[in-house]
Amino acid sequence: MIEDAEAARAIGNLEARAVGVDGRLSGMETKVDEIHKIVMQSKGGVKMMLTIASMCATIGGLIGGLLSFLRFGR
């Protein structure tokens, strides 16, 4: 009987720990989902910034080439 009581107590402790771990994992999953959403939003922002920077560099190069051509005739 003593062994049965000890085993039942050990099983109860393990079950309580499992419930606690499950709750912590659910909390971590929520945080990971939020981080994923933020990263996906920032990826779109970075792509937009790179597109704008490329367009500005292209336009700047065209203006510089045009001014050089008009000024020096080459």
C-alpha atoms as a PDB file:
ATOM      1  CA  MET A   1       0.000   0.000   0.000  1.00  0.00           C
ATOM      2  CA  ILE A   2       2.785   2.412   0.800  1.00  0.00           C
ATOM      3  CA  GLU A   3       4.251   1.865  -2.644  1.00  0.00           C
ATOM      4  CA  ASP A   4       0.855   2.481  -4.228  1.00  0.00           C
ATOM      5  CA  ALA A   5       0.469   5.743  -2.325  1.00  0.00           C
ATOM      6  CA  GLU A   6       3.966   6.847  -3.275  1.00  0.00           C
ATOM      7  CA  ALA A   7       3.355   5.953  -6.910  1.00  0.00           C
ATOM      8  CA  ALA A   8       0.035   7.820  -6.890  1.00  0.00           C
ATOM      9  CA  ARG A   9       1.719  10.846  -5.317  1.00  0.00           C
ATOM     10  CA  ALA A  10       4.514  10.729  -7.910  1.00  0.00           C
ATOM     11  CA  ILE A  11       1.996  10.438 -10.729  1.00  0.00           C
ATOM     12  CA  GLY A  12       0.008  13.363  -9.326  1.00  0.00           C
ATOM     13  CA  ASN A  13       3.177  15.478  -9.141  1.00  0.00           C
ATOM     14  CA  LEU A  14       4.073  14.593 -12.725  1.00  0.00           C
ATOM     15  CA  GLU A  15       0.572  15.416 -13.929  1.00  0.00           C
ATOM     16  CA  ALA A  16       0.697  18.801 -12.195  1.00  0.00           C
ATOM     17  CA  ARG A  17       4.079  19.543 -13.750  1.00  0.00           C
ATOM     18  CA  ALA A  18       2.789  18.490 -17.172  1.00  0.00           C
ATOM     19  CA  VAL A  19      -0.141  20.903 -16.854  1.00  0.00           C
ATOM     20  CA  GLY A  20       2.292  23.688 -15.901  1.00  0.00           C
ATOM     21  CA  VAL A  21       4.581  22.901 -18.824  1.00  0.00           C
ATOM     22  CA  ASP A  22       1.606  22.830 -21.190  1.00  0.00           C
ATOM     23  CA  GLY A  23       0.547  26.291 -20.032  1.00  0.00           C
ATOM     24  CA  ARG A  24       4.057  27.657 -20.462  1.00  0.00           C
ATOM     25  CA  LEU A  25       4.299  26.164 -23.972  1.00  0.00           C
ATOM     26  CA  SER A  26       0.996  27.771 -24.933  1.00  0.00           C
ATOM     27  CA  GLY A  27       2.318  31.132 -23.743  1.00  0.00           C
ATOM     28  CA  MET A  28       5.532  30.666 -25.737  1.00  0.00           C
ATOM     29  CA  GLU A  29       3.556  29.722 -28.833  1.00  0.00           C
ATOM     30  CA  THR A  30       1.577  32.959 -28.576  1.00  0.00           C
ATOM     31  CA  LYS A  31       4.774  34.987 -28.263  1.00  0.00           C
ATOM     32  CA  VAL A  32       6.378  33.201 -31.224  1.00  0.00           C
ATOM     33  CA  ASP A  33       3.290  33.914 -33.334  1.00  0.00           C
ATOM     34  CA  GLU A  34       3.514  37.613 -32.434  1.00  0.00           C
ATOM     35  CA  ILE A  35       7.226  37.710 -33.292  1.00  0.00           C
ATOM     36  CA  HIS A  36       6.537  35.976 -36.612  1.00  0.00           C
ATOM     37  CA  LYS A  37       3.882  38.542 -37.480  1.00  0.00           C
ATOM     38  CA  ILE A  38       6.244  41.438 -36.663  1.00  0.00           C
ATOM     39  CA  VAL A  39       9.043  39.922 -38.748  1.00  0.00           C
ATOM     40  CA  MET A  40       6.728  39.450 -41.724  1.00  0.00           C
ATOM     41  CA  GLN A  41       5.588  43.086 -41.491  1.00  0.00           C
ATOM     42  CA  SER A  42       9.174  44.334 -41.280  1.00  0.00           C
ATOM     43  CA  LYS A  43      10.177  42.249 -44.300  1.00  0.00           C
ATOM     44  CA  GLY A  44       7.612  44.110 -46.385  1.00  0.00           C
ATOM     45  CA  GLY A  45       8.911  47.444 -45.079  1.00  0.00           C
ATOM     46  CA  VAL A  46      12.517  46.557 -45.898  1.00  0.00           C
ATOM     47  CA  LYS A  47      11.580  45.487 -49.418  1.00  0.00           C
ATOM     48  CA  MET A  48       9.721  48.769 -49.949  1.00  0.00           C
ATOM     49  CA  MET A  49      12.692  50.787 -48.682  1.00  0.00           C
ATOM     50  CA  LEU A  50      15.076  48.909 -50.998  1.00  0.00           C
ATOM     51  CA  THR A  51      12.761  49.512 -53.940  1.00  0.00           C
ATOM     52  CA  ILE A  52      12.575  53.235 -53.211  1.00  0.00           C
ATOM     53  CA  ALA A  53      16.360  53.457 -52.722  1.00  0.00           C
ATOM     54  CA  SER A  54      16.928  51.674 -56.057  1.00  0.00           C
ATOM     55  CA  MET A  55      14.560  54.032 -57.830  1.00  0.00           C
ATOM     56  CA  CYS A  56      16.283  57.080 -56.290  1.00  0.00           C
ATOM     57  CA  ALA A  57      19.713  55.782 -57.296  1.00  0.00           C
ATOM     58  CA  THR A  58      18.534  55.153 -60.846  1.00  0.00           C
ATOM     59  CA  ILE A  59      16.947  58.589 -61.167  1.00  0.00           C
ATOM     60  CA  GLY A  60      20.052  60.217 -59.639  1.00  0.00           C
ATOM     61  CA  GLY A  61      22.270  58.385 -62.114  1.00  0.00           C
ATOM     62  CA  LEU A  62      20.094  59.458 -65.031  1.00  0.00           C
ATOM     63  CA  ILE A  63      20.095  63.104 -63.906  1.00  0.00           C
ATOM     64  CA  GLY A  64      23.868  63.016 -63.378  1.00  0.00           C
ATOM     65  CA  GLY A  65      24.426  61.521 -66.824  1.00  0.00           C
ATOM     66  CA  LEU A  66      22.080  64.025 -68.442  1.00  0.00           C
ATOM     67  CA  LEU A  67      23.762  67.001 -66.745  1.00  0.00           C
ATOM     68  CA  SER A  68      27.187  65.674 -67.679  1.00  0.00           C
ATOM     69  CA  PHE A  69      26.080  65.274 -71.288  1.00  0.00           C
ATOM     70  CA  LEU A  70      24.569  68.778 -71.424  1.00  0.00           C
ATOM     71  CA  ARG A  71      27.531  70.410 -69.700  1.00  0.00           C
ATOM     72  CA  PHE A  72      30.399  68.672 -71.480  1.00  0.00           C
ATOM     73  CA  GLY A  73      28.685  67.461 -74.627  1.00  0.00           C
ATOM     74  CA  ARG A  74      29.860  63.878 -74.339  1.00  0.00           C
END
